Structures are given as C-alpha cells and as structure tokens.
PDB file of all heavy atoms in Angstrom:
ATOM      1  N   ARG A   1     -20.448-161.590 175.998  1.00  0.00           N
ATOM      2  CA  ARG A   1     -20.969-161.404 177.352  1.00  0.00           C
ATOM      3  C   ARG A   1     -21.319-162.772 177.940  1.00  0.00           C
ATOM      4  O   ARG A   1     -21.328-163.793 177.257  1.00  0.00           O
ATOM      5  CB  ARG A   1     -22.237-160.534 177.326  1.00  0.00           C
ATOM      6  CG  ARG A   1     -22.095-159.240 176.545  1.00  0.00           C
ATOM      7  CD  ARG A   1     -21.452-158.139 177.354  1.00  0.00           C
ATOM      8  NE  ARG A   1     -21.240-156.925 176.560  1.00  0.00           N
ATOM      9  CZ  ARG A   1     -22.190-156.019 176.318  1.00  0.00           C
ATOM     10  NH1 ARG A   1     -23.417-156.196 176.793  1.00  0.00           N
ATOM     11  NH2 ARG A   1     -21.908-154.942 175.599  1.00  0.00           N
ATOM     12  N   VAL A   2     -21.640-162.770 179.234  1.00  0.00           N
ATOM     13  CA  VAL A   2     -22.125-163.998 179.854  1.00  0.00           C
ATOM     14  C   VAL A   2     -23.499-164.354 179.307  1.00  0.00           C
ATOM     15  O   VAL A   2     -24.167-163.531 178.669  1.00  0.00           O
ATOM     16  CB  VAL A   2     -22.192-163.849 181.392  1.00  0.00           C
ATOM     17  CG1 VAL A   2     -20.810-163.678 181.982  1.00  0.00           C
ATOM     18  CG2 VAL A   2     -23.109-162.694 181.795  1.00  0.00           C
ATOM     19  N   LEU A   3     -23.950-165.574 179.560  1.00  0.00           N
ATOM     20  CA  LEU A   3     -25.269-166.026 179.141  1.00  0.00           C
ATOM     21  C   LEU A   3     -26.260-165.725 180.269  1.00  0.00           C
ATOM     22  O   LEU A   3     -26.199-166.339 181.338  1.00  0.00           O
ATOM     23  CB  LEU A   3     -25.222-167.533 178.853  1.00  0.00           C
ATOM     24  CG  LEU A   3     -26.511-168.197 178.379  1.00  0.00           C
ATOM     25  CD1 LEU A   3     -26.972-167.589 177.061  1.00  0.00           C
ATOM     26  CD2 LEU A   3     -26.299-169.695 178.209  1.00  0.00           C
ATOM     27  N   PRO A   4     -27.159-164.758 180.098  1.00  0.00           N
ATOM     28  CA  PRO A   4     -28.034-164.357 181.197  1.00  0.00           C
ATOM     29  C   PRO A   4     -29.184-165.329 181.427  1.00  0.00           C
ATOM     30  O   PRO A   4     -29.678-165.974 180.496  1.00  0.00           O
ATOM     31  CB  PRO A   4     -28.558-162.996 180.732  1.00  0.00           C
ATOM     32  CG  PRO A   4     -28.555-163.088 179.234  1.00  0.00           C
ATOM     33  CD  PRO A   4     -27.373-163.953 178.882  1.00  0.00           C
ATOM     34  N   VAL A   5     -29.587-165.427 182.670  1.00  0.00           N
ATOM     35  CA  VAL A   5     -30.755-166.221 183.061  1.00  0.00           C
ATOM     36  C   VAL A   5     -31.688-165.258 183.800  1.00  0.00           C
ATOM     37  O   VAL A   5     -31.248-164.508 184.680  1.00  0.00           O
ATOM     38  CB  VAL A   5     -30.346-167.395 183.961  1.00  0.00           C
ATOM     39  CG1 VAL A   5     -31.560-168.192 184.408  1.00  0.00           C
ATOM     40  CG2 VAL A   5     -29.364-168.304 183.219  1.00  0.00           C
ATOM     41  N   SER A   6     -32.966-165.267 183.442  1.00  0.00           N
ATOM     42  CA  SER A   6     -33.852-164.218 183.937  1.00  0.00           C
ATOM     43  C   SER A   6     -35.237-164.745 184.286  1.00  0.00           C
ATOM     44  O   SER A   6     -35.663-165.813 183.821  1.00  0.00           O
ATOM     45  CB  SER A   6     -33.988-163.108 182.892  1.00  0.00           C
ATOM     46  OG  SER A   6     -34.669-163.595 181.739  1.00  0.00           O
ATOM     47  N   GLU A   7     -35.939-163.957 185.079  1.00  0.00           N
ATOM     48  CA  GLU A   7     -37.321-164.276 185.441  1.00  0.00           C
ATOM     49  C   GLU A   7     -38.213-164.298 184.204  1.00  0.00           C
ATOM     50  O   GLU A   7     -39.147-165.098 184.113  1.00  0.00           O
ATOM     51  CB  GLU A   7     -37.835-163.244 186.444  1.00  0.00           C
ATOM     52  CG  GLU A   7     -39.173-163.586 187.065  1.00  0.00           C
ATOM     53  CD  GLU A   7     -39.121-164.801 187.977  1.00  0.00           C
ATOM     54  OE1 GLU A   7     -38.133-164.944 188.718  1.00  0.00           O
ATOM     55  OE2 GLU A   7     -40.075-165.606 187.936  1.00  0.00           O
ATOM     56  N   ARG A   8     -37.927-163.435 183.257  1.00  0.00           N
ATOM     57  CA  ARG A   8     -38.759-163.371 182.046  1.00  0.00           C
ATOM     58  C   ARG A   8     -38.732-164.680 181.266  1.00  0.00           C
ATOM     59  O   ARG A   8     -39.781-165.191 180.850  1.00  0.00           O
ATOM     60  CB  ARG A   8     -38.290-162.225 181.149  1.00  0.00           C
ATOM     61  CG  ARG A   8     -39.071-162.144 179.842  1.00  0.00           C
ATOM     62  CD  ARG A   8     -38.529-161.064 178.918  1.00  0.00           C
ATOM     63  NE  ARG A   8     -39.290-161.012 177.675  1.00  0.00           N
ATOM     64  CZ  ARG A   8     -38.953-160.265 176.631  1.00  0.00           C
ATOM     65  NH1 ARG A   8     -37.861-159.496 176.684  1.00  0.00           N
ATOM     66  NH2 ARG A   8     -39.694-160.293 175.527  1.00  0.00           N
ATOM     67  N   TRP A   9     -37.536-165.241 181.069  1.00  0.00           N
ATOM     68  CA  TRP A   9     -37.402-166.402 180.202  1.00  0.00           C
ATOM     69  C   TRP A   9     -37.232-167.722 180.955  1.00  0.00           C
ATOM     70  O   TRP A   9     -37.499-168.784 180.397  1.00  0.00           O
ATOM     71  CB  TRP A   9     -36.206-166.224 179.262  1.00  0.00           C
ATOM     72  CG  TRP A   9     -36.311-165.047 178.342  1.00  0.00           C
ATOM     73  CD1 TRP A   9     -35.518-163.940 178.330  1.00  0.00           C
ATOM     74  CD2 TRP A   9     -37.270-164.856 177.288  1.00  0.00           C
ATOM     75  NE1 TRP A   9     -35.908-163.072 177.351  1.00  0.00           N
ATOM     76  CE2 TRP A   9     -36.988-163.610 176.684  1.00  0.00           C
ATOM     77  CE3 TRP A   9     -38.341-165.611 176.802  1.00  0.00           C
ATOM     78  CZ2 TRP A   9     -37.725-163.105 175.624  1.00  0.00           C
ATOM     79  CZ3 TRP A   9     -39.078-165.117 175.743  1.00  0.00           C
ATOM     80  CH2 TRP A   9     -38.767-163.875 175.170  1.00  0.00           C
ATOM     81  N   HIS A  10     -36.789-167.672 182.194  1.00  0.00           N
ATOM     82  CA  HIS A  10     -36.445-168.906 182.918  1.00  0.00           C
ATOM     83  C   HIS A  10     -37.019-168.896 184.342  1.00  0.00           C
ATOM     84  O   HIS A  10     -36.279-169.100 185.311  1.00  0.00           O
ATOM     85  CB  HIS A  10     -34.922-169.064 182.986  1.00  0.00           C
ATOM     86  CG  HIS A  10     -34.194-168.772 181.704  1.00  0.00           C
ATOM     87  ND1 HIS A  10     -33.613-167.546 181.449  1.00  0.00           N
ATOM     88  CD2 HIS A  10     -33.964-169.544 180.613  1.00  0.00           C
ATOM     89  CE1 HIS A  10     -33.040-167.575 180.246  1.00  0.00           C
ATOM     90  NE2 HIS A  10     -33.241-168.769 179.716  1.00  0.00           N
ATOM     91  N   PRO A  11     -38.306-168.650 184.507  1.00  0.00           N
ATOM     92  CA  PRO A  11     -38.852-168.490 185.873  1.00  0.00           C
ATOM     93  C   PRO A  11     -38.678-169.725 186.750  1.00  0.00           C
ATOM     94  O   PRO A  11     -38.452-169.597 187.959  1.00  0.00           O
ATOM     95  CB  PRO A  11     -40.321-168.165 185.629  1.00  0.00           C
ATOM     96  CG  PRO A  11     -40.616-168.682 184.241  1.00  0.00           C
ATOM     97  CD  PRO A  11     -39.353-168.481 183.480  1.00  0.00           C
ATOM     98  N   LEU A  12     -38.774-170.909 186.169  1.00  0.00           N
ATOM     99  CA  LEU A  12     -38.626-172.136 186.958  1.00  0.00           C
ATOM    100  C   LEU A  12     -37.224-172.221 187.554  1.00  0.00           C
ATOM    101  O   LEU A  12     -37.048-172.598 188.726  1.00  0.00           O
ATOM    102  CB  LEU A  12     -38.918-173.354 186.080  1.00  0.00           C
ATOM    103  CG  LEU A  12     -38.913-174.724 186.771  1.00  0.00           C
ATOM    104  CD1 LEU A  12     -40.011-174.793 187.816  1.00  0.00           C
ATOM    105  CD2 LEU A  12     -39.073-175.843 185.738  1.00  0.00           C
ATOM    106  N   LEU A  13     -36.231-171.857 186.765  1.00  0.00           N
ATOM    107  CA  LEU A  13     -34.851-171.913 187.252  1.00  0.00           C
ATOM    108  C   LEU A  13     -34.595-170.848 188.317  1.00  0.00           C
ATOM    109  O   LEU A  13     -33.904-171.108 189.312  1.00  0.00           O
ATOM    110  CB  LEU A  13     -33.871-171.737 186.091  1.00  0.00           C
ATOM    111  CG  LEU A  13     -33.989-172.732 184.934  1.00  0.00           C
ATOM    112  CD1 LEU A  13     -32.911-172.458 183.897  1.00  0.00           C
ATOM    113  CD2 LEU A  13     -33.895-174.164 185.436  1.00  0.00           C
ATOM    114  N   MET A  14     -35.148-169.684 188.127  1.00  0.00           N
ATOM    115  CA  MET A  14     -34.922-168.604 189.089  1.00  0.00           C
ATOM    116  C   MET A  14     -35.480-168.958 190.469  1.00  0.00           C
ATOM    117  O   MET A  14     -34.948-168.533 191.496  1.00  0.00           O
ATOM    118  CB  MET A  14     -35.546-167.309 188.575  1.00  0.00           C
ATOM    119  CG  MET A  14     -34.901-166.767 187.303  1.00  0.00           C
ATOM    120  SD  MET A  14     -33.181-166.259 187.526  1.00  0.00           S
ATOM    121  CE  MET A  14     -33.419-164.741 188.445  1.00  0.00           C
ATOM    122  N   ARG A  15     -36.531-169.762 190.503  1.00  0.00           N
ATOM    123  CA  ARG A  15     -37.108-170.180 191.791  1.00  0.00           C
ATOM    124  C   ARG A  15     -36.138-171.058 192.584  1.00  0.00           C
ATOM    125  O   ARG A  15     -36.263-171.172 193.810  1.00  0.00           O
ATOM    126  CB  ARG A  15     -38.407-170.944 191.558  1.00  0.00           C
ATOM    127  CG  ARG A  15     -39.600-170.072 191.199  1.00  0.00           C
ATOM    128  CD  ARG A  15     -40.790-170.925 190.819  1.00  0.00           C
ATOM    129  NE  ARG A  15     -41.086-171.952 191.812  1.00  0.00           N
ATOM    130  CZ  ARG A  15     -41.833-173.036 191.572  1.00  0.00           C
ATOM    131  NH1 ARG A  15     -42.325-173.244 190.347  1.00  0.00           N
ATOM    132  NH2 ARG A  15     -42.057-173.903 192.532  1.00  0.00           N
ATOM    133  N   ALA A  16     -35.182-171.672 191.890  1.00  0.00           N
ATOM    134  CA  ALA A  16     -34.280-172.611 192.553  1.00  0.00           C
ATOM    135  C   ALA A  16     -33.022-171.941 193.123  1.00  0.00           C
ATOM    136  O   ALA A  16     -32.236-172.609 193.799  1.00  0.00           O
ATOM    137  CB  ALA A  16     -33.861-173.709 191.574  1.00  0.00           C
ATOM    138  N   LEU A  17     -32.822-170.654 192.863  1.00  0.00           N
ATOM    139  CA  LEU A  17     -31.606-169.993 193.349  1.00  0.00           C
ATOM    140  C   LEU A  17     -31.460-170.186 194.855  1.00  0.00           C
ATOM    141  O   LEU A  17     -32.384-169.927 195.623  1.00  0.00           O
ATOM    142  CB  LEU A  17     -31.633-168.504 193.013  1.00  0.00           C
ATOM    143  CG  LEU A  17     -31.206-168.129 191.589  1.00  0.00           C
ATOM    144  CD1 LEU A  17     -31.530-166.670 191.302  1.00  0.00           C
ATOM    145  CD2 LEU A  17     -29.716-168.396 191.368  1.00  0.00           C
ATOM    146  N   THR A  18     -30.285-170.633 195.272  1.00  0.00           N
ATOM    147  CA  THR A  18     -30.042-171.031 196.661  1.00  0.00           C
ATOM    148  C   THR A  18     -28.716-170.458 197.134  1.00  0.00           C
ATOM    149  O   THR A  18     -27.680-170.624 196.479  1.00  0.00           O
ATOM    150  CB  THR A  18     -29.995-172.570 196.777  1.00  0.00           C
ATOM    151  OG1 THR A  18     -31.250-173.106 196.320  1.00  0.00           O
ATOM    152  CG2 THR A  18     -29.740-173.003 198.208  1.00  0.00           C
ATOM    153  N   SER A  19     -28.731-169.814 198.267  1.00  0.00           N
ATOM    154  CA  SER A  19     -27.532-169.186 198.804  1.00  0.00           C
ATOM    155  C   SER A  19     -26.560-170.224 199.355  1.00  0.00           C
ATOM    156  O   SER A  19     -26.953-171.289 199.836  1.00  0.00           O
ATOM    157  CB  SER A  19     -27.912-168.221 199.927  1.00  0.00           C
ATOM    158  OG  SER A  19     -26.758-167.675 200.544  1.00  0.00           O
ATOM    159  N   ILE A  20     -25.281-169.868 199.316  1.00  0.00           N
ATOM    160  CA  ILE A  20     -24.311-170.618 200.101  1.00  0.00           C
ATOM    161  C   ILE A  20     -24.631-170.447 201.587  1.00  0.00           C
ATOM    162  O   ILE A  20     -25.276-169.475 201.980  1.00  0.00           O
ATOM    163  CB  ILE A  20     -22.860-170.146 199.834  1.00  0.00           C
ATOM    164  CG1 ILE A  20     -22.719-168.636 200.075  1.00  0.00           C
ATOM    165  CG2 ILE A  20     -22.400-170.528 198.458  1.00  0.00           C
ATOM    166  CD1 ILE A  20     -21.299-168.124 200.011  1.00  0.00           C
ATOM    167  N   PRO A  21     -24.218-171.381 202.419  1.00  0.00           N
ATOM    168  CA  PRO A  21     -24.384-171.204 203.865  1.00  0.00           C
ATOM    169  C   PRO A  21     -23.379-170.197 204.407  1.00  0.00           C
ATOM    170  O   PRO A  21     -22.512-169.709 203.670  1.00  0.00           O
ATOM    171  CB  PRO A  21     -24.122-172.604 204.415  1.00  0.00           C
ATOM    172  CG  PRO A  21     -23.155-173.206 203.431  1.00  0.00           C
ATOM    173  CD  PRO A  21     -23.563-172.660 202.082  1.00  0.00           C
ATOM    174  N   ALA A  22     -23.484-169.885 205.679  1.00  0.00           N
ATOM    175  CA  ALA A  22     -22.465-169.064 206.327  1.00  0.00           C
ATOM    176  C   ALA A  22     -21.110-169.752 206.198  1.00  0.00           C
ATOM    177  O   ALA A  22     -21.009-170.983 206.293  1.00  0.00           O
ATOM    178  CB  ALA A  22     -22.816-168.844 207.796  1.00  0.00           C
ATOM    179  N   LEU A  23     -20.079-168.957 205.962  1.00  0.00           N
ATOM    180  CA  LEU A  23     -18.737-169.493 205.777  1.00  0.00           C
ATOM    181  C   LEU A  23     -17.762-168.837 206.747  1.00  0.00           C
ATOM    182  O   LEU A  23     -17.992-167.726 207.212  1.00  0.00           O
ATOM    183  CB  LEU A  23     -18.236-169.226 204.353  1.00  0.00           C
ATOM    184  CG  LEU A  23     -19.032-169.774 203.176  1.00  0.00           C
ATOM    185  CD1 LEU A  23     -18.394-169.306 201.877  1.00  0.00           C
ATOM    186  CD2 LEU A  23     -19.100-171.293 203.221  1.00  0.00           C
ATOM    187  N   GLU A  24     -16.669-169.540 206.992  1.00  0.00           N
ATOM    188  CA  GLU A  24     -15.540-168.952 207.692  1.00  0.00           C
ATOM    189  C   GLU A  24     -14.403-168.751 206.708  1.00  0.00           C
ATOM    190  O   GLU A  24     -14.315-169.446 205.683  1.00  0.00           O
ATOM    191  CB  GLU A  24     -15.069-169.851 208.838  1.00  0.00           C
ATOM    192  CG  GLU A  24     -16.024-169.912 210.010  1.00  0.00           C
ATOM    193  CD  GLU A  24     -15.408-170.621 211.206  1.00  0.00           C
ATOM    194  OE1 GLU A  24     -14.339-171.267 211.053  1.00  0.00           O
ATOM    195  OE2 GLU A  24     -15.997-170.533 212.292  1.00  0.00           O
ATOM    196  N   ALA A  25     -13.539-167.792 206.999  1.00  0.00           N
ATOM    197  CA  ALA A  25     -12.334-167.622 206.196  1.00  0.00           C
ATOM    198  C   ALA A  25     -11.597-168.961 206.114  1.00  0.00           C
ATOM    199  O   ALA A  25     -11.454-169.665 207.114  1.00  0.00           O
ATOM    200  CB  ALA A  25     -11.441-166.561 206.823  1.00  0.00           C
ATOM    201  N   GLY A  26     -11.170-169.312 204.915  1.00  0.00           N
ATOM    202  CA  GLY A  26     -10.501-170.598 204.683  1.00  0.00           C
ATOM    203  C   GLY A  26     -11.392-171.650 204.083  1.00  0.00           C
ATOM    204  O   GLY A  26     -10.895-172.637 203.531  1.00  0.00           O
ATOM    205  N   ASP A  27     -12.726-171.486 204.171  1.00  0.00           N
ATOM    206  CA  ASP A  27     -13.646-172.368 203.444  1.00  0.00           C
ATOM    207  C   ASP A  27     -13.595-172.010 201.954  1.00  0.00           C
ATOM    208  O   ASP A  27     -13.294-170.864 201.586  1.00  0.00           O
ATOM    209  CB  ASP A  27     -15.082-172.194 203.935  1.00  0.00           C
ATOM    210  CG  ASP A  27     -15.288-172.639 205.377  1.00  0.00           C
ATOM    211  OD1 ASP A  27     -14.444-173.383 205.906  1.00  0.00           O
ATOM    212  OD2 ASP A  27     -16.315-172.242 205.976  1.00  0.00           O
ATOM    213  N   SER A  28     -13.909-172.975 201.107  1.00  0.00           N
ATOM    214  CA  SER A  28     -14.003-172.693 199.672  1.00  0.00           C
ATOM    215  C   SER A  28     -15.329-173.211 199.136  1.00  0.00           C
ATOM    216  O   SER A  28     -15.923-174.138 199.696  1.00  0.00           O
ATOM    217  CB  SER A  28     -12.832-173.306 198.897  1.00  0.00           C
ATOM    218  OG  SER A  28     -12.807-174.722 199.016  1.00  0.00           O
ATOM    219  N   VAL A  29     -15.810-172.576 198.072  1.00  0.00           N
ATOM    220  CA  VAL A  29     -17.064-172.993 197.436  1.00  0.00           C
ATOM    221  C   VAL A  29     -16.799-173.279 195.965  1.00  0.00           C
ATOM    222  O   VAL A  29     -15.956-172.644 195.328  1.00  0.00           O
ATOM    223  CB  VAL A  29     -18.174-171.927 197.594  1.00  0.00           C
ATOM    224  CG1 VAL A  29     -18.507-171.710 199.054  1.00  0.00           C
ATOM    225  CG2 VAL A  29     -17.794-170.613 196.951  1.00  0.00           C
ATOM    226  N   TRP A  30     -17.547-174.253 195.436  1.00  0.00           N
ATOM    227  CA  TRP A  30     -17.297-174.761 194.095  1.00  0.00           C
ATOM    228  C   TRP A  30     -18.618-175.050 193.401  1.00  0.00           C
ATOM    229  O   TRP A  30     -19.564-175.509 194.038  1.00  0.00           O
ATOM    230  CB  TRP A  30     -16.480-176.056 194.169  1.00  0.00           C
ATOM    231  CG  TRP A  30     -15.179-175.885 194.894  1.00  0.00           C
ATOM    232  CD1 TRP A  30     -14.975-175.950 196.247  1.00  0.00           C
ATOM    233  CD2 TRP A  30     -13.909-175.584 194.313  1.00  0.00           C
ATOM    234  NE1 TRP A  30     -13.651-175.720 196.535  1.00  0.00           N
ATOM    235  CE2 TRP A  30     -12.977-175.499 195.367  1.00  0.00           C
ATOM    236  CE3 TRP A  30     -13.469-175.405 192.989  1.00  0.00           C
ATOM    237  CZ2 TRP A  30     -11.633-175.215 195.141  1.00  0.00           C
ATOM    238  CZ3 TRP A  30     -12.129-175.137 192.766  1.00  0.00           C
ATOM    239  CH2 TRP A  30     -11.239-175.043 193.838  1.00  0.00           C
ATOM    240  N   TRP A  31     -18.677-174.797 192.075  1.00  0.00           N
ATOM    241  CA  TRP A  31     -19.876-175.131 191.314  1.00  0.00           C
ATOM    242  C   TRP A  31     -19.480-175.546 189.897  1.00  0.00           C
ATOM    243  O   TRP A  31     -18.563-175.005 189.294  1.00  0.00           O
ATOM    244  CB  TRP A  31     -20.874-173.967 191.300  1.00  0.00           C
ATOM    245  CG  TRP A  31     -20.386-172.673 190.706  1.00  0.00           C
ATOM    246  CD1 TRP A  31     -20.626-172.197 189.448  1.00  0.00           C
ATOM    247  CD2 TRP A  31     -19.574-171.658 191.347  1.00  0.00           C
ATOM    248  NE1 TRP A  31     -20.025-170.980 189.257  1.00  0.00           N
ATOM    249  CE2 TRP A  31     -19.383-170.615 190.410  1.00  0.00           C
ATOM    250  CE3 TRP A  31     -19.016-171.532 192.622  1.00  0.00           C
ATOM    251  CZ2 TRP A  31     -18.640-169.470 190.712  1.00  0.00           C
ATOM    252  CZ3 TRP A  31     -18.274-170.395 192.904  1.00  0.00           C
ATOM    253  CH2 TRP A  31     -18.094-169.379 191.958  1.00  0.00           C
ATOM    254  N   HIS A  32     -20.158-176.586 189.415  1.00  0.00           N
ATOM    255  CA  HIS A  32     -19.999-177.095 188.050  1.00  0.00           C
ATOM    256  C   HIS A  32     -20.088-175.921 187.090  1.00  0.00           C
ATOM    257  O   HIS A  32     -20.927-175.038 187.242  1.00  0.00           O
ATOM    258  CB  HIS A  32     -21.127-178.099 187.795  1.00  0.00           C
ATOM    259  CG  HIS A  32     -21.116-178.794 186.472  1.00  0.00           C
ATOM    260  ND1 HIS A  32     -21.281-178.135 185.273  1.00  0.00           N
ATOM    261  CD2 HIS A  32     -21.026-180.122 186.148  1.00  0.00           C
ATOM    262  CE1 HIS A  32     -21.272-179.015 184.278  1.00  0.00           C
ATOM    263  NE2 HIS A  32     -21.115-180.222 184.786  1.00  0.00           N
ATOM    264  N   TYR A  33     -19.250-175.916 186.064  1.00  0.00           N
ATOM    265  CA  TYR A  33     -19.150-174.697 185.266  1.00  0.00           C
ATOM    266  C   TYR A  33     -20.375-174.426 184.395  1.00  0.00           C
ATOM    267  O   TYR A  33     -20.502-173.338 183.827  1.00  0.00           O
ATOM    268  CB  TYR A  33     -17.858-174.694 184.453  1.00  0.00           C
ATOM    269  CG  TYR A  33     -17.886-175.330 183.081  1.00  0.00           C
ATOM    270  CD1 TYR A  33     -17.981-174.557 181.933  1.00  0.00           C
ATOM    271  CD2 TYR A  33     -17.754-176.713 182.915  1.00  0.00           C
ATOM    272  CE1 TYR A  33     -17.961-175.113 180.674  1.00  0.00           C
ATOM    273  CE2 TYR A  33     -17.737-177.283 181.664  1.00  0.00           C
ATOM    274  CZ  TYR A  33     -17.839-176.477 180.539  1.00  0.00           C
ATOM    275  OH  TYR A  33     -17.822-177.045 179.283  1.00  0.00           O
ATOM    276  N   ASP A  34     -21.315-175.352 184.299  1.00  0.00           N
ATOM    277  CA  ASP A  34     -22.597-175.076 183.655  1.00  0.00           C
ATOM    278  C   ASP A  34     -23.616-174.473 184.617  1.00  0.00           C
ATOM    279  O   ASP A  34     -24.677-174.007 184.178  1.00  0.00           O
ATOM    280  CB  ASP A  34     -23.215-176.370 183.106  1.00  0.00           C
ATOM    281  CG  ASP A  34     -22.600-176.823 181.796  1.00  0.00           C
ATOM    282  OD1 ASP A  34     -21.796-176.079 181.208  1.00  0.00           O
ATOM    283  OD2 ASP A  34     -22.924-177.950 181.362  1.00  0.00           O
ATOM    284  N   VAL A  35     -23.348-174.527 185.905  1.00  0.00           N
ATOM    285  CA  VAL A  35     -24.362-174.164 186.898  1.00  0.00           C
ATOM    286  C   VAL A  35     -24.616-172.654 186.888  1.00  0.00           C
ATOM    287  O   VAL A  35     -23.689-171.839 186.881  1.00  0.00           O
ATOM    288  CB  VAL A  35     -23.940-174.653 188.301  1.00  0.00           C
ATOM    289  CG1 VAL A  35     -24.683-173.928 189.409  1.00  0.00           C
ATOM    290  CG2 VAL A  35     -24.186-176.159 188.412  1.00  0.00           C
ATOM    291  N   ILE A  36     -25.883-172.302 186.924  1.00  0.00           N
ATOM    292  CA  ILE A  36     -26.321-170.908 186.984  1.00  0.00           C
ATOM    293  C   ILE A  36     -25.943-170.346 188.351  1.00  0.00           C
ATOM    294  O   ILE A  36     -26.165-170.985 189.377  1.00  0.00           O
ATOM    295  CB  ILE A  36     -27.843-170.818 186.788  1.00  0.00           C
ATOM    296  CG1 ILE A  36     -28.244-171.389 185.423  1.00  0.00           C
ATOM    297  CG2 ILE A  36     -28.333-169.377 186.950  1.00  0.00           C
ATOM    298  CD1 ILE A  36     -29.677-171.859 185.371  1.00  0.00           C
ATOM    299  N   HIS A  37     -25.384-169.126 188.349  1.00  0.00           N
ATOM    300  CA  HIS A  37     -24.992-168.521 189.615  1.00  0.00           C
ATOM    301  C   HIS A  37     -25.203-167.010 189.580  1.00  0.00           C
ATOM    302  O   HIS A  37     -25.278-166.391 188.515  1.00  0.00           O
ATOM    303  CB  HIS A  37     -23.541-168.865 189.970  1.00  0.00           C
ATOM    304  CG  HIS A  37     -22.547-168.568 188.894  1.00  0.00           C
ATOM    305  ND1 HIS A  37     -22.439-169.322 187.739  1.00  0.00           N
ATOM    306  CD2 HIS A  37     -21.589-167.606 188.786  1.00  0.00           C
ATOM    307  CE1 HIS A  37     -21.471-168.852 186.975  1.00  0.00           C
ATOM    308  NE2 HIS A  37     -20.943-167.793 187.585  1.00  0.00           N
ATOM    309  N   SER A  38     -25.310-166.435 190.763  1.00  0.00           N
ATOM    310  CA  SER A  38     -25.522-164.997 190.905  1.00  0.00           C
ATOM    311  C   SER A  38     -24.964-164.565 192.249  1.00  0.00           C
ATOM    312  O   SER A  38     -24.590-165.401 193.086  1.00  0.00           O
ATOM    313  CB  SER A  38     -27.016-164.661 190.819  1.00  0.00           C
ATOM    314  OG  SER A  38     -27.714-165.197 191.942  1.00  0.00           O
ATOM    315  N   VAL A  39     -24.903-163.261 192.456  1.00  0.00           N
ATOM    316  CA  VAL A  39     -24.532-162.701 193.758  1.00  0.00           C
ATOM    317  C   VAL A  39     -25.677-161.799 194.199  1.00  0.00           C
ATOM    318  O   VAL A  39     -26.109-160.915 193.443  1.00  0.00           O
ATOM    319  CB  VAL A  39     -23.208-161.909 193.685  1.00  0.00           C
ATOM    320  CG1 VAL A  39     -22.871-161.304 195.052  1.00  0.00           C
ATOM    321  CG2 VAL A  39     -22.081-162.816 193.210  1.00  0.00           C
TER     322      VAL A  39
END
C-alpha cells in the first residue's frame, strides 16, 4: 500500500497541506516523488 500520513502521527506535516491554485485546461502540476500529497 501507499505510505500514509495522518493527523495522529504527523500533525506538523498535516498543517502544511496546501492546495494547488486554480488551473486552466493545459496547465500541468508536478511534485517531487517524496512529497506528501492528497486530494
């Protein structure tokens, strides 16, 4: 499975979750493969 990141074990990291900005079709988004991500 994926490596989960949670409020229980990683509260400091969860506070940093930041949304992508508004996008238009044709824009692309990229993140370092170690970077924590969610939807």
